[in-house]
Amino acid sequence: MVAAKRIAALALFSGSVSATGNIIAQYIDSWSTAPRRVENKPFVFFPGYEPAQTLRFFVYGVSFAPISFRWHAFLNSRFPLVASAKAAASKPAAAQPLPDKARAVLKRIAVDQIVFAPFASGAFVVGMGLLEGLRSSDLVERIRVQYPRVLMVGYLVWPAAQLINFSIVPLMYRVQFGSVVGLFWNTYLSWSSAQMKRDQQRKACASNAVCI
C-alpha cells in the first residue's frame, strides 16, 4: 500500500515536471516563431500556446514514472552505493583500485545508459507519437529522425548529471537535483518534439502543395 502511494505520488510529480518543461519549451518557441492568432482557445498563457500538447506530456510523464521507479529500484538493489562494513573489510586494499562507492556509481551509470537509456528514449518518441495520433508512416519517420537525436543528447546530459548526483550531492538533496535536471531535460524533449512535428508538417505541406 505504501509502495503504491509512493509510486502514485512519483507519477504525479513526474507528470508535473514533464508538463512544466513543455510549457517552458512552448514559451521559448513562441518567441522564435511568427505570432499566431489564438481566439477561442481557453487557457492561453502566451501566443501560440497549445494546452493539448502540455496535457500529452503530463500523461506521458505519469505513465512512464512507474517504469522508471522500478528500474531505479533495481539499480539500487543491484548496485548499492553503501557497502556493508563486513564486505568492505573482507576486500584487500590492493583489490580496490577505486573506492566501493565510486565503483558502484560507475557501474550504475554504465548499466543505466547501456540498457535503460535506449529504451527510455524510444519509449518517449513512440509514446508521444501515439499520443499525437500519428499515422504509422509518420511515426516511423519520427523514430528514424528523432530517436537518435534524443538518445545522443541524453548521453551528453545524464551520465554527467548522475555522476554529480551520486558522488557530490548529499543524499537529502538528490531528488531535488534530479528534478532540476529533469525539468531542463523535459524542456529539451518538448522543444525536440515541436521541431520534429513542424518539420513533418512542412513536408506534408510541400507534398500536397497546400499550406494552412
N, C-alpha and C. Protein backbone atom coordinates (compact mmCIF):
# COMPACT_ATOMS: atom_id res chain seq x y z
N MET A 1 0.83 -1.21 0.00
CA MET A 1 0.00 0.00 0.00
C MET A 1 0.86 1.25 0.00
N VAL A 2 1.91 1.21 0.88
CA VAL A 2 2.81 2.36 0.95
C VAL A 2 3.55 2.54 -0.37
N ALA A 3 3.99 1.41 -0.96
CA ALA A 3 4.70 1.48 -2.24
C ALA A 3 3.81 2.04 -3.33
N ALA A 4 2.53 1.63 -3.33
CA ALA A 4 1.59 2.12 -4.34
C ALA A 4 1.38 3.62 -4.21
N LYS A 5 1.27 4.10 -2.98
CA LYS A 5 1.10 5.54 -2.76
C LYS A 5 2.35 6.30 -3.19
N ARG A 6 3.50 5.69 -2.91
CA ARG A 6 4.76 6.34 -3.30
C ARG A 6 4.88 6.45 -4.81
N ILE A 7 4.50 5.37 -5.51
CA ILE A 7 4.57 5.38 -6.98
C ILE A 7 3.56 6.37 -7.55
N ALA A 8 2.36 6.42 -6.95
CA ALA A 8 1.35 7.37 -7.42
C ALA A 8 1.83 8.81 -7.25
N ALA A 9 2.44 9.11 -6.10
CA ALA A 9 2.96 10.46 -5.86
C ALA A 9 4.08 10.78 -6.84
N LEU A 10 4.95 9.80 -7.07
CA LEU A 10 6.04 10.00 -8.02
C LEU A 10 5.51 10.22 -9.43
N ALA A 11 4.45 9.49 -9.80
CA ALA A 11 3.87 9.63 -11.13
C ALA A 11 3.30 11.03 -11.33
N LEU A 12 2.59 11.53 -10.33
CA LEU A 12 2.04 12.88 -10.43
C LEU A 12 3.15 13.93 -10.49
N PHE A 13 4.19 13.71 -9.70
CA PHE A 13 5.33 14.64 -9.72
C PHE A 13 6.02 14.62 -11.08
N SER A 14 6.24 13.42 -11.61
CA SER A 14 6.89 13.29 -12.92
C SER A 14 6.04 13.93 -14.01
N GLY A 15 4.73 13.71 -13.95
CA GLY A 15 3.85 14.34 -14.92
C GLY A 15 3.89 15.84 -14.84
N SER A 16 3.96 16.38 -13.62
CA SER A 16 4.02 17.83 -13.43
C SER A 16 5.32 18.41 -13.98
N VAL A 17 6.43 17.70 -13.75
CA VAL A 17 7.72 18.16 -14.29
C VAL A 17 7.70 18.15 -15.81
N SER A 18 7.14 17.08 -16.40
CA SER A 18 7.05 17.00 -17.86
C SER A 18 6.19 18.12 -18.42
N ALA A 19 5.05 18.36 -17.76
CA ALA A 19 4.15 19.43 -18.22
C ALA A 19 4.80 20.79 -18.10
N THR A 20 5.50 21.02 -17.00
CA THR A 20 6.19 22.31 -16.81
C THR A 20 7.27 22.51 -17.86
N GLY A 21 8.03 21.45 -18.13
CA GLY A 21 9.05 21.54 -19.18
C GLY A 21 8.45 21.87 -20.52
N ASN A 22 7.27 21.31 -20.80
CA ASN A 22 6.60 21.59 -22.06
C ASN A 22 6.14 23.05 -22.14
N ILE A 23 5.61 23.57 -21.03
CA ILE A 23 5.18 24.97 -21.02
C ILE A 23 6.37 25.90 -21.27
N ILE A 24 7.50 25.60 -20.63
CA ILE A 24 8.70 26.41 -20.84
C ILE A 24 9.14 26.35 -22.30
N ALA A 25 9.14 25.13 -22.86
CA ALA A 25 9.56 24.97 -24.25
C ALA A 25 8.62 25.72 -25.20
N GLN A 26 7.33 25.64 -24.94
CA GLN A 26 6.38 26.36 -25.79
C GLN A 26 6.56 27.87 -25.67
N TYR A 27 6.86 28.32 -24.47
CA TYR A 27 7.08 29.75 -24.25
C TYR A 27 8.31 30.22 -25.04
N ILE A 28 9.40 29.44 -24.96
CA ILE A 28 10.62 29.78 -25.70
C ILE A 28 10.33 29.75 -27.20
N ASP A 29 9.60 28.73 -27.63
CA ASP A 29 9.30 28.58 -29.04
C ASP A 29 8.42 29.72 -29.56
N SER A 30 7.56 30.25 -28.69
CA SER A 30 6.67 31.33 -29.11
C SER A 30 7.43 32.59 -29.49
N TRP A 31 8.63 32.74 -28.94
CA TRP A 31 9.45 33.91 -29.26
C TRP A 31 10.24 33.73 -30.55
N SER A 32 10.36 32.48 -31.01
CA SER A 32 11.15 32.23 -32.21
C SER A 32 10.30 31.94 -33.44
N THR A 33 8.98 32.00 -33.28
CA THR A 33 8.08 31.78 -34.41
C THR A 33 7.19 32.99 -34.59
N ALA A 34 6.59 33.09 -35.75
CA ALA A 34 5.72 34.22 -36.02
C ALA A 34 4.49 34.16 -35.12
N PRO A 35 3.96 35.32 -34.70
CA PRO A 35 2.77 35.34 -33.86
C PRO A 35 1.60 34.66 -34.55
N ARG A 36 0.84 33.92 -33.77
CA ARG A 36 -0.32 33.23 -34.31
C ARG A 36 -1.56 33.69 -33.55
N ARG A 37 -2.71 33.72 -34.25
CA ARG A 37 -3.95 34.11 -33.62
C ARG A 37 -4.46 32.98 -32.74
N VAL A 38 -5.00 33.34 -31.59
CA VAL A 38 -5.40 32.33 -30.62
C VAL A 38 -6.82 32.57 -30.11
N GLU A 39 -7.67 33.23 -30.89
CA GLU A 39 -9.03 33.43 -30.44
C GLU A 39 -9.73 32.10 -30.20
N ASN A 40 -10.64 32.12 -29.21
CA ASN A 40 -11.46 30.95 -28.89
C ASN A 40 -10.65 29.77 -28.37
N LYS A 41 -9.42 30.04 -27.90
CA LYS A 41 -8.62 28.97 -27.28
C LYS A 41 -8.49 29.27 -25.78
N PRO A 42 -9.09 28.44 -24.92
CA PRO A 42 -9.03 28.71 -23.49
C PRO A 42 -7.66 28.45 -22.89
N PHE A 43 -7.38 29.06 -21.75
CA PHE A 43 -6.15 28.84 -21.01
C PHE A 43 -4.90 29.14 -21.83
N VAL A 44 -4.94 30.23 -22.60
CA VAL A 44 -3.78 30.61 -23.40
C VAL A 44 -2.88 31.50 -22.55
N PHE A 45 -1.69 31.00 -22.21
CA PHE A 45 -0.75 31.76 -21.40
C PHE A 45 0.03 32.76 -22.23
N PHE A 46 0.24 32.44 -23.49
CA PHE A 46 1.02 33.29 -24.39
C PHE A 46 0.64 32.90 -25.81
N PRO A 47 0.93 33.75 -26.80
CA PRO A 47 0.54 33.45 -28.19
C PRO A 47 1.09 32.11 -28.67
N GLY A 48 0.21 31.29 -29.22
CA GLY A 48 0.62 30.00 -29.75
C GLY A 48 0.62 28.86 -28.76
N TYR A 49 0.25 29.13 -27.51
CA TYR A 49 0.26 28.06 -26.51
C TYR A 49 -0.80 27.01 -26.83
N GLU A 50 -0.40 25.73 -26.72
CA GLU A 50 -1.29 24.61 -27.01
C GLU A 50 -1.47 23.76 -25.75
N PRO A 51 -2.58 23.91 -25.05
CA PRO A 51 -2.81 23.11 -23.83
C PRO A 51 -2.79 21.61 -24.08
N ALA A 52 -3.25 21.18 -25.26
CA ALA A 52 -3.28 19.75 -25.56
C ALA A 52 -1.87 19.16 -25.55
N GLN A 53 -0.90 19.94 -26.00
CA GLN A 53 0.48 19.47 -26.01
C GLN A 53 0.99 19.27 -24.59
N THR A 54 0.67 20.22 -23.71
CA THR A 54 1.06 20.09 -22.30
C THR A 54 0.39 18.88 -21.66
N LEU A 55 -0.87 18.66 -22.00
CA LEU A 55 -1.59 17.51 -21.46
C LEU A 55 -0.94 16.21 -21.90
N ARG A 56 -0.49 16.14 -23.15
CA ARG A 56 0.17 14.92 -23.63
C ARG A 56 1.44 14.65 -22.84
N PHE A 57 2.21 15.68 -22.55
CA PHE A 57 3.44 15.49 -21.78
C PHE A 57 3.13 15.08 -20.34
N PHE A 58 2.05 15.62 -19.78
CA PHE A 58 1.66 15.22 -18.43
C PHE A 58 1.29 13.75 -18.40
N VAL A 59 0.49 13.33 -19.38
CA VAL A 59 0.05 11.93 -19.46
C VAL A 59 1.26 11.01 -19.63
N TYR A 60 2.19 11.40 -20.50
CA TYR A 60 3.37 10.56 -20.71
C TYR A 60 4.20 10.48 -19.43
N GLY A 61 4.40 11.62 -18.76
CA GLY A 61 5.19 11.61 -17.53
C GLY A 61 4.59 10.73 -16.46
N VAL A 62 3.27 10.79 -16.32
CA VAL A 62 2.57 9.94 -15.35
C VAL A 62 2.69 8.46 -15.72
N SER A 63 2.57 8.16 -16.99
CA SER A 63 2.58 6.77 -17.46
C SER A 63 3.95 6.12 -17.34
N PHE A 64 5.01 6.91 -17.58
CA PHE A 64 6.35 6.32 -17.61
C PHE A 64 6.98 6.25 -16.22
N ALA A 65 6.49 7.04 -15.27
CA ALA A 65 7.09 7.10 -13.94
C ALA A 65 7.18 5.74 -13.25
N PRO A 66 6.13 4.89 -13.27
CA PRO A 66 6.27 3.58 -12.60
C PRO A 66 7.38 2.71 -13.18
N ILE A 67 7.57 2.78 -14.50
CA ILE A 67 8.65 2.02 -15.13
C ILE A 67 10.00 2.53 -14.64
N SER A 68 10.15 3.84 -14.62
CA SER A 68 11.40 4.44 -14.15
C SER A 68 11.66 4.11 -12.69
N PHE A 69 10.61 4.14 -11.88
CA PHE A 69 10.74 3.84 -10.45
C PHE A 69 11.27 2.42 -10.25
N ARG A 70 10.68 1.47 -10.94
CA ARG A 70 11.09 0.08 -10.77
C ARG A 70 12.51 -0.16 -11.30
N TRP A 71 12.88 0.56 -12.36
CA TRP A 71 14.24 0.41 -12.88
C TRP A 71 15.26 0.93 -11.87
N HIS A 72 14.99 2.08 -11.29
CA HIS A 72 15.94 2.64 -10.33
C HIS A 72 15.95 1.84 -9.02
N ALA A 73 14.83 1.22 -8.68
CA ALA A 73 14.82 0.33 -7.53
C ALA A 73 15.73 -0.87 -7.79
N PHE A 74 15.71 -1.38 -9.03
CA PHE A 74 16.61 -2.47 -9.40
C PHE A 74 18.07 -2.02 -9.30
N LEU A 75 18.37 -0.82 -9.80
CA LEU A 75 19.74 -0.32 -9.72
C LEU A 75 20.19 -0.17 -8.27
N ASN A 76 19.30 0.31 -7.42
CA ASN A 76 19.64 0.49 -6.01
C ASN A 76 19.96 -0.84 -5.33
N SER A 77 19.20 -1.88 -5.69
CA SER A 77 19.43 -3.18 -5.07
C SER A 77 20.64 -3.90 -5.68
N ARG A 78 20.83 -3.72 -6.98
CA ARG A 78 21.91 -4.43 -7.66
C ARG A 78 23.25 -3.74 -7.47
N PHE A 79 23.25 -2.42 -7.41
CA PHE A 79 24.49 -1.65 -7.26
C PHE A 79 24.33 -0.66 -6.10
N PRO A 80 24.30 -1.17 -4.87
CA PRO A 80 24.14 -0.26 -3.71
C PRO A 80 25.34 0.66 -3.59
N LEU A 81 25.05 1.90 -3.21
CA LEU A 81 26.13 2.89 -3.09
C LEU A 81 26.85 2.81 -1.75
N VAL A 82 26.25 2.13 -0.79
CA VAL A 82 26.87 1.97 0.52
C VAL A 82 27.05 0.49 0.79
N ALA A 83 28.29 0.04 0.76
CA ALA A 83 28.58 -1.37 1.04
C ALA A 83 28.62 -1.60 2.54
N SER A 84 28.34 -2.81 2.94
CA SER A 84 28.39 -3.14 4.37
C SER A 84 29.84 -3.09 4.86
N ALA A 85 30.00 -2.81 6.15
CA ALA A 85 31.35 -2.73 6.72
C ALA A 85 32.05 -4.08 6.63
N LYS A 86 31.29 -5.17 6.81
CA LYS A 86 31.88 -6.50 6.74
C LYS A 86 32.41 -6.80 5.34
N ALA A 87 31.62 -6.42 4.32
CA ALA A 87 32.04 -6.67 2.94
C ALA A 87 33.27 -5.83 2.60
N ALA A 88 33.30 -4.60 3.08
CA ALA A 88 34.44 -3.73 2.79
C ALA A 88 35.70 -4.25 3.47
N ALA A 89 35.56 -4.77 4.70
CA ALA A 89 36.72 -5.25 5.43
C ALA A 89 37.28 -6.53 4.82
N SER A 90 36.44 -7.28 4.12
CA SER A 90 36.89 -8.55 3.56
C SER A 90 37.69 -8.39 2.28
N LYS A 91 37.74 -7.16 1.72
CA LYS A 91 38.45 -6.94 0.48
C LYS A 91 39.81 -6.30 0.76
N PRO A 92 40.88 -6.89 0.29
CA PRO A 92 42.20 -6.28 0.48
C PRO A 92 42.31 -4.96 -0.25
N ALA A 93 43.16 -4.09 0.27
CA ALA A 93 43.32 -2.76 -0.32
C ALA A 93 43.82 -2.83 -1.75
N ALA A 94 44.65 -3.82 -2.05
CA ALA A 94 45.21 -3.92 -3.39
C ALA A 94 44.14 -4.25 -4.43
N ALA A 95 43.03 -4.83 -3.96
CA ALA A 95 41.96 -5.22 -4.89
C ALA A 95 40.94 -4.11 -5.08
N GLN A 96 41.22 -2.93 -4.52
CA GLN A 96 40.29 -1.82 -4.60
C GLN A 96 40.91 -0.62 -5.30
N PRO A 97 41.04 -0.67 -6.63
CA PRO A 97 41.60 0.46 -7.37
C PRO A 97 40.73 1.70 -7.24
N LEU A 98 39.44 1.51 -6.99
CA LEU A 98 38.52 2.61 -6.74
C LEU A 98 37.77 2.33 -5.45
N PRO A 99 37.39 3.38 -4.71
CA PRO A 99 36.55 3.14 -3.54
C PRO A 99 35.27 2.44 -3.95
N ASP A 100 34.70 1.70 -3.02
CA ASP A 100 33.50 0.94 -3.33
C ASP A 100 32.38 1.82 -3.87
N LYS A 101 32.18 2.99 -3.28
CA LYS A 101 31.10 3.87 -3.72
C LYS A 101 31.33 4.34 -5.15
N ALA A 102 32.55 4.74 -5.46
CA ALA A 102 32.85 5.22 -6.81
C ALA A 102 32.64 4.12 -7.83
N ARG A 103 33.06 2.90 -7.47
CA ARG A 103 32.90 1.78 -8.39
C ARG A 103 31.42 1.48 -8.61
N ALA A 104 30.63 1.54 -7.54
CA ALA A 104 29.19 1.29 -7.66
C ALA A 104 28.51 2.37 -8.51
N VAL A 105 28.95 3.62 -8.33
CA VAL A 105 28.37 4.72 -9.11
C VAL A 105 28.64 4.51 -10.59
N LEU A 106 29.88 4.18 -10.95
CA LEU A 106 30.24 3.99 -12.35
C LEU A 106 29.50 2.79 -12.96
N LYS A 107 29.36 1.72 -12.19
CA LYS A 107 28.62 0.55 -12.69
C LYS A 107 27.15 0.92 -12.92
N ARG A 108 26.58 1.64 -11.96
CA ARG A 108 25.17 2.02 -12.07
C ARG A 108 24.94 2.89 -13.29
N ILE A 109 25.82 3.86 -13.50
CA ILE A 109 25.67 4.76 -14.65
C ILE A 109 25.85 3.98 -15.95
N ALA A 110 26.84 3.09 -16.00
CA ALA A 110 27.09 2.32 -17.22
C ALA A 110 25.89 1.46 -17.58
N VAL A 111 25.34 0.72 -16.61
CA VAL A 111 24.19 -0.14 -16.88
C VAL A 111 22.98 0.69 -17.28
N ASP A 112 22.79 1.80 -16.59
CA ASP A 112 21.65 2.67 -16.88
C ASP A 112 21.70 3.20 -18.31
N GLN A 113 22.87 3.63 -18.74
CA GLN A 113 22.99 4.24 -20.06
C GLN A 113 23.02 3.19 -21.18
N ILE A 114 23.52 2.01 -20.90
CA ILE A 114 23.58 0.97 -21.92
C ILE A 114 22.23 0.28 -22.09
N VAL A 115 21.54 0.03 -20.99
CA VAL A 115 20.29 -0.74 -21.03
C VAL A 115 19.05 0.15 -21.07
N PHE A 116 18.97 1.08 -20.11
CA PHE A 116 17.71 1.82 -19.94
C PHE A 116 17.59 3.04 -20.85
N ALA A 117 18.69 3.74 -21.08
CA ALA A 117 18.62 4.97 -21.88
C ALA A 117 18.06 4.72 -23.28
N PRO A 118 18.52 3.70 -24.01
CA PRO A 118 17.93 3.46 -25.33
C PRO A 118 16.44 3.15 -25.26
N PHE A 119 16.05 2.38 -24.24
CA PHE A 119 14.62 2.05 -24.08
C PHE A 119 13.81 3.30 -23.75
N ALA A 120 14.29 4.12 -22.80
CA ALA A 120 13.55 5.31 -22.39
C ALA A 120 13.42 6.31 -23.54
N SER A 121 14.48 6.48 -24.32
CA SER A 121 14.42 7.40 -25.45
C SER A 121 13.41 6.92 -26.48
N GLY A 122 13.44 5.60 -26.77
CA GLY A 122 12.49 5.05 -27.72
C GLY A 122 11.06 5.13 -27.21
N ALA A 123 10.87 4.89 -25.91
CA ALA A 123 9.53 4.96 -25.34
C ALA A 123 8.97 6.37 -25.45
N PHE A 124 9.83 7.38 -25.26
CA PHE A 124 9.35 8.76 -25.38
C PHE A 124 8.92 9.07 -26.80
N VAL A 125 9.78 8.75 -27.76
CA VAL A 125 9.47 9.09 -29.16
C VAL A 125 8.21 8.37 -29.63
N VAL A 126 8.12 7.06 -29.33
CA VAL A 126 6.94 6.30 -29.74
C VAL A 126 5.71 6.73 -28.96
N GLY A 127 5.86 6.91 -27.65
CA GLY A 127 4.72 7.28 -26.82
C GLY A 127 4.12 8.61 -27.22
N MET A 128 4.97 9.61 -27.45
CA MET A 128 4.45 10.92 -27.84
C MET A 128 3.83 10.86 -29.23
N GLY A 129 4.41 10.07 -30.11
CA GLY A 129 3.83 9.92 -31.45
C GLY A 129 2.45 9.32 -31.40
N LEU A 130 2.27 8.31 -30.54
CA LEU A 130 0.96 7.68 -30.39
C LEU A 130 -0.04 8.65 -29.77
N LEU A 131 0.40 9.41 -28.78
CA LEU A 131 -0.49 10.38 -28.15
C LEU A 131 -0.92 11.48 -29.12
N GLU A 132 -0.05 11.78 -30.08
CA GLU A 132 -0.39 12.78 -31.10
C GLU A 132 -1.28 12.21 -32.19
N GLY A 133 -1.43 10.87 -32.21
CA GLY A 133 -2.26 10.24 -33.23
C GLY A 133 -1.60 10.19 -34.59
N LEU A 134 -0.28 10.02 -34.62
CA LEU A 134 0.42 9.98 -35.90
C LEU A 134 0.06 8.73 -36.69
N ARG A 135 0.06 8.87 -37.98
CA ARG A 135 -0.08 7.71 -38.85
C ARG A 135 1.18 6.86 -38.75
N SER A 136 1.07 5.58 -39.10
CA SER A 136 2.21 4.67 -38.95
C SER A 136 3.43 5.15 -39.73
N SER A 137 3.21 5.69 -40.93
CA SER A 137 4.34 6.16 -41.74
C SER A 137 5.01 7.36 -41.09
N ASP A 138 4.21 8.27 -40.53
CA ASP A 138 4.77 9.43 -39.84
C ASP A 138 5.49 9.02 -38.56
N LEU A 139 4.95 8.02 -37.87
CA LEU A 139 5.59 7.54 -36.64
C LEU A 139 6.94 6.92 -36.95
N VAL A 140 7.01 6.13 -38.00
CA VAL A 140 8.28 5.52 -38.40
C VAL A 140 9.30 6.60 -38.76
N GLU A 141 8.86 7.62 -39.46
CA GLU A 141 9.76 8.72 -39.82
C GLU A 141 10.25 9.46 -38.58
N ARG A 142 9.36 9.66 -37.61
CA ARG A 142 9.77 10.34 -36.39
C ARG A 142 10.78 9.50 -35.62
N ILE A 143 10.57 8.22 -35.56
CA ILE A 143 11.53 7.34 -34.88
C ILE A 143 12.88 7.41 -35.58
N ARG A 144 12.87 7.38 -36.89
CA ARG A 144 14.12 7.39 -37.66
C ARG A 144 14.91 8.67 -37.43
N VAL A 145 14.22 9.80 -37.33
CA VAL A 145 14.91 11.09 -37.21
C VAL A 145 15.13 11.51 -35.76
N GLN A 146 14.08 11.42 -34.95
CA GLN A 146 14.16 11.98 -33.60
C GLN A 146 14.86 11.07 -32.60
N TYR A 147 14.66 9.76 -32.73
CA TYR A 147 15.23 8.84 -31.75
C TYR A 147 16.75 8.98 -31.59
N PRO A 148 17.52 8.98 -32.68
CA PRO A 148 18.99 9.15 -32.50
C PRO A 148 19.35 10.48 -31.85
N ARG A 149 18.60 11.53 -32.17
CA ARG A 149 18.89 12.84 -31.58
C ARG A 149 18.67 12.82 -30.07
N VAL A 150 17.53 12.31 -29.66
CA VAL A 150 17.20 12.27 -28.23
C VAL A 150 18.20 11.40 -27.48
N LEU A 151 18.55 10.27 -28.06
CA LEU A 151 19.49 9.36 -27.40
C LEU A 151 20.86 9.99 -27.24
N MET A 152 21.36 10.64 -28.29
CA MET A 152 22.69 11.24 -28.24
C MET A 152 22.74 12.40 -27.24
N VAL A 153 21.72 13.26 -27.25
CA VAL A 153 21.69 14.37 -26.29
C VAL A 153 21.59 13.83 -24.87
N GLY A 154 20.81 12.75 -24.70
CA GLY A 154 20.72 12.13 -23.38
C GLY A 154 22.07 11.63 -22.89
N TYR A 155 22.87 11.09 -23.80
CA TYR A 155 24.20 10.62 -23.42
C TYR A 155 25.12 11.78 -23.02
N LEU A 156 24.83 12.97 -23.51
CA LEU A 156 25.63 14.14 -23.13
C LEU A 156 25.19 14.71 -21.79
N VAL A 157 23.94 14.45 -21.41
CA VAL A 157 23.38 15.07 -20.20
C VAL A 157 23.41 14.15 -18.99
N TRP A 158 22.82 12.96 -19.12
CA TRP A 158 22.54 12.16 -17.94
C TRP A 158 23.74 11.49 -17.28
N PRO A 159 24.73 10.97 -18.00
CA PRO A 159 25.87 10.41 -17.29
C PRO A 159 26.57 11.42 -16.39
N ALA A 160 26.79 12.63 -16.91
CA ALA A 160 27.43 13.67 -16.09
C ALA A 160 26.54 14.07 -14.92
N ALA A 161 25.23 14.21 -15.18
CA ALA A 161 24.30 14.60 -14.12
C ALA A 161 24.25 13.54 -13.03
N GLN A 162 24.22 12.27 -13.40
CA GLN A 162 24.17 11.21 -12.41
C GLN A 162 25.48 11.07 -11.65
N LEU A 163 26.58 11.31 -12.33
CA LEU A 163 27.87 11.26 -11.65
C LEU A 163 27.94 12.31 -10.55
N ILE A 164 27.47 13.52 -10.87
CA ILE A 164 27.43 14.60 -9.88
C ILE A 164 26.45 14.25 -8.76
N ASN A 165 25.28 13.75 -9.15
CA ASN A 165 24.23 13.48 -8.17
C ASN A 165 24.64 12.41 -7.16
N PHE A 166 25.27 11.32 -7.64
CA PHE A 166 25.60 10.21 -6.77
C PHE A 166 26.91 10.40 -6.00
N SER A 167 27.79 11.25 -6.50
CA SER A 167 29.11 11.36 -5.88
C SER A 167 29.33 12.66 -5.11
N ILE A 168 28.58 13.72 -5.44
CA ILE A 168 28.82 15.02 -4.82
C ILE A 168 27.62 15.51 -4.02
N VAL A 169 26.43 15.40 -4.60
CA VAL A 169 25.22 15.94 -3.96
C VAL A 169 24.86 15.09 -2.73
N PRO A 170 24.62 15.73 -1.58
CA PRO A 170 24.20 14.99 -0.39
C PRO A 170 22.91 14.23 -0.64
N LEU A 171 22.73 13.12 0.06
CA LEU A 171 21.58 12.24 -0.14
C LEU A 171 20.26 13.00 -0.04
N MET A 172 20.13 13.91 0.92
CA MET A 172 18.87 14.61 1.15
C MET A 172 18.51 15.57 0.03
N TYR A 173 19.47 15.89 -0.85
CA TYR A 173 19.20 16.83 -1.94
C TYR A 173 19.21 16.17 -3.32
N ARG A 174 19.34 14.84 -3.38
CA ARG A 174 19.46 14.17 -4.67
C ARG A 174 18.17 14.24 -5.48
N VAL A 175 17.03 14.12 -4.81
CA VAL A 175 15.76 14.19 -5.52
C VAL A 175 15.58 15.57 -6.14
N GLN A 176 15.90 16.62 -5.37
CA GLN A 176 15.76 17.98 -5.88
C GLN A 176 16.70 18.23 -7.05
N PHE A 177 17.93 17.73 -6.95
CA PHE A 177 18.89 17.90 -8.05
C PHE A 177 18.40 17.19 -9.30
N GLY A 178 17.93 15.96 -9.13
CA GLY A 178 17.41 15.22 -10.28
C GLY A 178 16.20 15.89 -10.89
N SER A 179 15.39 16.53 -10.06
CA SER A 179 14.20 17.23 -10.56
C SER A 179 14.59 18.43 -11.41
N VAL A 180 15.62 19.15 -10.98
CA VAL A 180 16.07 20.32 -11.76
C VAL A 180 16.61 19.88 -13.11
N VAL A 181 17.44 18.83 -13.12
CA VAL A 181 17.96 18.31 -14.38
C VAL A 181 16.80 17.80 -15.24
N GLY A 182 15.85 17.11 -14.60
CA GLY A 182 14.71 16.58 -15.32
C GLY A 182 13.87 17.67 -15.96
N LEU A 183 13.77 18.82 -15.29
CA LEU A 183 13.00 19.93 -15.85
C LEU A 183 13.64 20.43 -17.13
N PHE A 184 14.95 20.62 -17.10
CA PHE A 184 15.66 21.06 -18.31
C PHE A 184 15.57 19.99 -19.40
N TRP A 185 15.65 18.71 -19.00
CA TRP A 185 15.58 17.62 -19.97
C TRP A 185 14.21 17.58 -20.63
N ASN A 186 13.16 17.72 -19.85
CA ASN A 186 11.82 17.71 -20.42
C ASN A 186 11.56 18.94 -21.29
N THR A 187 12.20 20.05 -20.96
CA THR A 187 12.10 21.23 -21.82
C THR A 187 12.72 20.93 -23.19
N TYR A 188 13.89 20.26 -23.16
CA TYR A 188 14.51 19.88 -24.43
C TYR A 188 13.65 18.90 -25.21
N LEU A 189 13.09 17.90 -24.52
CA LEU A 189 12.25 16.91 -25.20
C LEU A 189 11.04 17.59 -25.86
N SER A 190 10.46 18.55 -25.16
CA SER A 190 9.31 19.26 -25.72
C SER A 190 9.72 20.06 -26.95
N TRP A 191 10.85 20.73 -26.85
CA TRP A 191 11.35 21.51 -27.99
C TRP A 191 11.66 20.59 -29.17
N SER A 192 12.30 19.44 -28.89
CA SER A 192 12.64 18.49 -29.95
C SER A 192 11.39 17.96 -30.63
N SER A 193 10.36 17.65 -29.85
CA SER A 193 9.11 17.15 -30.43
C SER A 193 8.44 18.21 -31.27
N ALA A 194 8.46 19.46 -30.80
CA ALA A 194 7.84 20.55 -31.56
C ALA A 194 8.56 20.75 -32.89
N GLN A 195 9.89 20.69 -32.86
CA GLN A 195 10.66 20.85 -34.09
C GLN A 195 10.36 19.72 -35.07
N MET A 196 10.29 18.50 -34.55
CA MET A 196 10.01 17.35 -35.41
C MET A 196 8.61 17.44 -36.00
N LYS A 197 7.65 17.84 -35.18
CA LYS A 197 6.27 17.97 -35.66
C LYS A 197 6.19 19.04 -36.74
N ARG A 198 6.90 20.14 -36.55
CA ARG A 198 6.88 21.22 -37.53
C ARG A 198 7.53 20.77 -38.84
N ASP A 199 8.61 20.01 -38.74
CA ASP A 199 9.27 19.51 -39.96
C ASP A 199 8.35 18.58 -40.73
N GLN A 200 7.63 17.71 -40.01
CA GLN A 200 6.71 16.79 -40.68
C GLN A 200 5.56 17.55 -41.33
N GLN A 201 5.09 18.61 -40.69
CA GLN A 201 4.02 19.41 -41.27
C GLN A 201 4.50 20.12 -42.53
N ARG A 202 5.74 20.59 -42.52
CA ARG A 202 6.29 21.25 -43.72
C ARG A 202 6.38 20.26 -44.87
N LYS A 203 6.83 19.04 -44.58
CA LYS A 203 6.95 18.04 -45.64
C LYS A 203 5.58 17.68 -46.20
N ALA A 204 4.59 17.52 -45.32
CA ALA A 204 3.23 17.22 -45.78
C ALA A 204 2.67 18.36 -46.60
N CYS A 205 2.99 19.58 -46.18
CA CYS A 205 2.53 20.77 -46.89
C CYS A 205 3.14 20.83 -48.29
N ALA A 206 4.44 20.51 -48.35
CA ALA A 206 5.13 20.56 -49.65
C ALA A 206 4.63 19.46 -50.58
N SER A 207 4.39 18.27 -50.04
CA SER A 207 3.96 17.16 -50.88
C SER A 207 2.54 17.36 -51.42
N ASN A 208 1.71 18.06 -50.62
CA ASN A 208 0.34 18.30 -51.06
C ASN A 208 0.17 19.63 -51.75
N ALA A 209 1.23 20.43 -51.73
CA ALA A 209 1.20 21.77 -52.33
C ALA A 209 0.11 22.63 -51.71
N VAL A 210 -0.19 22.34 -50.43
CA VAL A 210 -1.22 23.12 -49.73
C VAL A 210 -0.71 23.41 -48.34
N CYS A 211 -0.78 24.65 -47.90
CA CYS A 211 -0.40 25.03 -46.54
C CYS A 211 -1.56 25.76 -45.89
N ILE A 212 -1.77 25.39 -44.64
CA ILE A 212 -2.84 26.05 -43.90
C ILE A 212 -2.21 26.92 -42.83
